[in-house]
Amino acid sequence: MYYPLYAVCVDLGIPFCTQVGHTSLLRPSETGRPIPYIDQVALGFPELTIVCGHIGCP
């Protein structure tokens, strides 16, 4: 679903930033576990700069 966004990031030379880690007490943490998801993106877009940070709550 986000592959067009990754391609635009590559074209513009900007990094893709995403949340990793615990998301919230009342939310599932699946989205905070990027592997294997980020691995697949990195393999598909080797020129894409990917920043994974714990930028959410708490």
N, C-alpha and C. Protein backbone atom coordinates (compact mmCIF):
# COMPACT_ATOMS: atom_id res chain seq x y z
N MET A 1 0.81 -1.19 0.00
CA MET A 1 0.00 0.00 0.00
C MET A 1 0.86 1.27 0.00
N TYR A 2 2.00 1.24 0.67
CA TYR A 2 2.85 2.42 0.78
C TYR A 2 3.96 2.48 -0.26
N TYR A 3 4.03 1.51 -1.12
CA TYR A 3 5.13 1.48 -2.09
C TYR A 3 5.20 2.72 -2.97
N PRO A 4 4.07 3.31 -3.39
CA PRO A 4 4.17 4.57 -4.13
C PRO A 4 4.81 5.69 -3.30
N LEU A 5 4.54 5.71 -2.00
CA LEU A 5 5.16 6.71 -1.12
C LEU A 5 6.67 6.50 -1.04
N TYR A 6 7.11 5.25 -0.92
CA TYR A 6 8.54 4.97 -0.89
C TYR A 6 9.21 5.45 -2.18
N ALA A 7 8.57 5.22 -3.30
CA ALA A 7 9.13 5.64 -4.60
C ALA A 7 9.25 7.16 -4.67
N VAL A 8 8.26 7.88 -4.16
CA VAL A 8 8.32 9.34 -4.16
C VAL A 8 9.45 9.82 -3.26
N CYS A 9 9.62 9.18 -2.10
CA CYS A 9 10.73 9.54 -1.21
C CYS A 9 12.07 9.36 -1.90
N VAL A 10 12.22 8.28 -2.64
CA VAL A 10 13.45 8.05 -3.39
C VAL A 10 13.63 9.13 -4.43
N ASP A 11 12.58 9.43 -5.19
CA ASP A 11 12.66 10.43 -6.25
C ASP A 11 13.02 11.81 -5.71
N LEU A 12 12.49 12.16 -4.53
CA LEU A 12 12.75 13.47 -3.94
C LEU A 12 14.01 13.50 -3.08
N GLY A 13 14.59 12.33 -2.82
CA GLY A 13 15.79 12.26 -1.99
C GLY A 13 15.53 12.55 -0.52
N ILE A 14 14.33 12.21 -0.04
CA ILE A 14 14.00 12.43 1.37
C ILE A 14 13.84 11.09 2.08
N PRO A 15 14.12 11.05 3.38
CA PRO A 15 14.01 9.78 4.10
C PRO A 15 12.56 9.43 4.39
N PHE A 16 12.32 8.14 4.58
CA PHE A 16 11.03 7.65 5.05
C PHE A 16 11.18 7.40 6.55
N CYS A 17 10.38 8.08 7.36
CA CYS A 17 10.45 7.93 8.81
C CYS A 17 9.22 7.17 9.29
N THR A 18 9.44 6.23 10.21
CA THR A 18 8.34 5.42 10.72
C THR A 18 8.50 5.16 12.21
N GLN A 19 7.39 4.90 12.84
CA GLN A 19 7.34 4.59 14.27
C GLN A 19 7.71 3.13 14.51
N VAL A 20 8.51 2.88 15.51
CA VAL A 20 8.79 1.52 15.97
C VAL A 20 8.64 1.50 17.48
N GLY A 21 8.38 0.34 18.02
CA GLY A 21 8.24 0.21 19.46
C GLY A 21 6.78 0.24 19.89
N HIS A 22 6.59 0.29 21.17
CA HIS A 22 5.25 0.28 21.76
C HIS A 22 4.45 1.48 21.27
N THR A 23 3.21 1.26 20.85
CA THR A 23 2.40 2.34 20.29
C THR A 23 1.51 3.04 21.31
N SER A 24 0.87 2.31 22.18
CA SER A 24 0.01 2.90 23.20
C SER A 24 -0.52 1.77 24.08
N LEU A 25 -0.97 2.12 25.23
CA LEU A 25 -1.48 1.11 26.15
C LEU A 25 -2.74 0.44 25.64
N LEU A 26 -3.54 1.15 24.88
CA LEU A 26 -4.81 0.61 24.41
C LEU A 26 -4.78 0.21 22.94
N ARG A 27 -3.60 0.08 22.38
CA ARG A 27 -3.44 -0.29 20.97
C ARG A 27 -2.54 -1.51 20.87
N PRO A 28 -2.76 -2.34 19.85
CA PRO A 28 -1.83 -3.45 19.63
C PRO A 28 -0.47 -2.93 19.16
N SER A 29 0.58 -3.64 19.49
CA SER A 29 1.94 -3.21 19.15
C SER A 29 2.43 -3.75 17.82
N GLU A 30 1.58 -4.41 17.04
CA GLU A 30 2.02 -5.01 15.78
C GLU A 30 2.67 -3.99 14.85
N THR A 31 2.11 -2.80 14.78
CA THR A 31 2.70 -1.78 13.90
C THR A 31 4.05 -1.29 14.41
N GLY A 32 4.33 -1.51 15.67
CA GLY A 32 5.62 -1.12 16.23
C GLY A 32 6.71 -2.16 16.04
N ARG A 33 6.38 -3.27 15.40
CA ARG A 33 7.35 -4.31 15.11
C ARG A 33 7.60 -4.33 13.61
N PRO A 34 8.51 -3.50 13.13
CA PRO A 34 8.65 -3.32 11.68
C PRO A 34 9.27 -4.49 10.93
N ILE A 35 10.01 -5.35 11.61
CA ILE A 35 10.63 -6.48 10.90
C ILE A 35 9.60 -7.59 10.86
N PRO A 36 9.25 -8.19 9.77
CA PRO A 36 9.93 -8.19 8.47
C PRO A 36 9.48 -7.10 7.51
N TYR A 37 8.58 -6.24 7.92
CA TYR A 37 8.02 -5.25 7.00
C TYR A 37 9.09 -4.29 6.47
N ILE A 38 9.88 -3.72 7.35
CA ILE A 38 10.92 -2.78 6.92
C ILE A 38 11.99 -3.51 6.12
N ASP A 39 12.27 -4.75 6.47
CA ASP A 39 13.24 -5.53 5.69
C ASP A 39 12.80 -5.64 4.23
N GLN A 40 11.52 -5.89 4.01
CA GLN A 40 11.00 -6.03 2.65
C GLN A 40 11.09 -4.70 1.90
N VAL A 41 10.81 -3.61 2.59
CA VAL A 41 10.91 -2.29 1.96
C VAL A 41 12.36 -1.99 1.62
N ALA A 42 13.28 -2.27 2.53
CA ALA A 42 14.70 -2.00 2.28
C ALA A 42 15.22 -2.83 1.12
N LEU A 43 14.75 -4.06 1.00
CA LEU A 43 15.17 -4.89 -0.12
C LEU A 43 14.60 -4.38 -1.44
N GLY A 44 13.38 -3.88 -1.40
CA GLY A 44 12.74 -3.38 -2.61
C GLY A 44 13.21 -2.00 -3.04
N PHE A 45 13.70 -1.21 -2.08
CA PHE A 45 14.16 0.15 -2.33
C PHE A 45 15.53 0.36 -1.67
N PRO A 46 16.57 -0.23 -2.22
CA PRO A 46 17.89 -0.13 -1.57
C PRO A 46 18.42 1.30 -1.49
N GLU A 47 17.93 2.20 -2.33
CA GLU A 47 18.40 3.58 -2.31
C GLU A 47 17.59 4.46 -1.35
N LEU A 48 16.56 3.93 -0.73
CA LEU A 48 15.72 4.66 0.20
C LEU A 48 16.37 4.73 1.58
N THR A 49 16.43 5.93 2.14
CA THR A 49 16.88 6.10 3.51
C THR A 49 15.67 5.89 4.42
N ILE A 50 15.80 4.93 5.34
CA ILE A 50 14.71 4.59 6.25
C ILE A 50 15.14 4.94 7.67
N VAL A 51 14.30 5.73 8.35
CA VAL A 51 14.56 6.11 9.74
C VAL A 51 13.47 5.47 10.58
N CYS A 52 13.87 4.59 11.50
CA CYS A 52 12.93 3.95 12.41
C CYS A 52 13.18 4.51 13.80
N GLY A 53 12.20 5.14 14.36
CA GLY A 53 12.38 5.75 15.67
C GLY A 53 11.17 5.55 16.55
N HIS A 54 11.40 5.63 17.83
CA HIS A 54 10.30 5.53 18.79
C HIS A 54 9.79 6.95 19.03
N ILE A 55 8.88 7.36 18.15
CA ILE A 55 8.41 8.75 18.18
C ILE A 55 6.98 8.87 18.67
N GLY A 56 6.39 7.77 19.09
CA GLY A 56 4.99 7.79 19.49
C GLY A 56 4.82 7.82 20.99
N CYS A 57 3.67 7.38 21.42
CA CYS A 57 3.32 7.35 22.82
C CYS A 57 3.67 5.99 23.41
N PRO A 58 4.16 5.87 24.56
CA PRO A 58 4.38 6.90 25.57
C PRO A 58 5.72 7.58 25.41
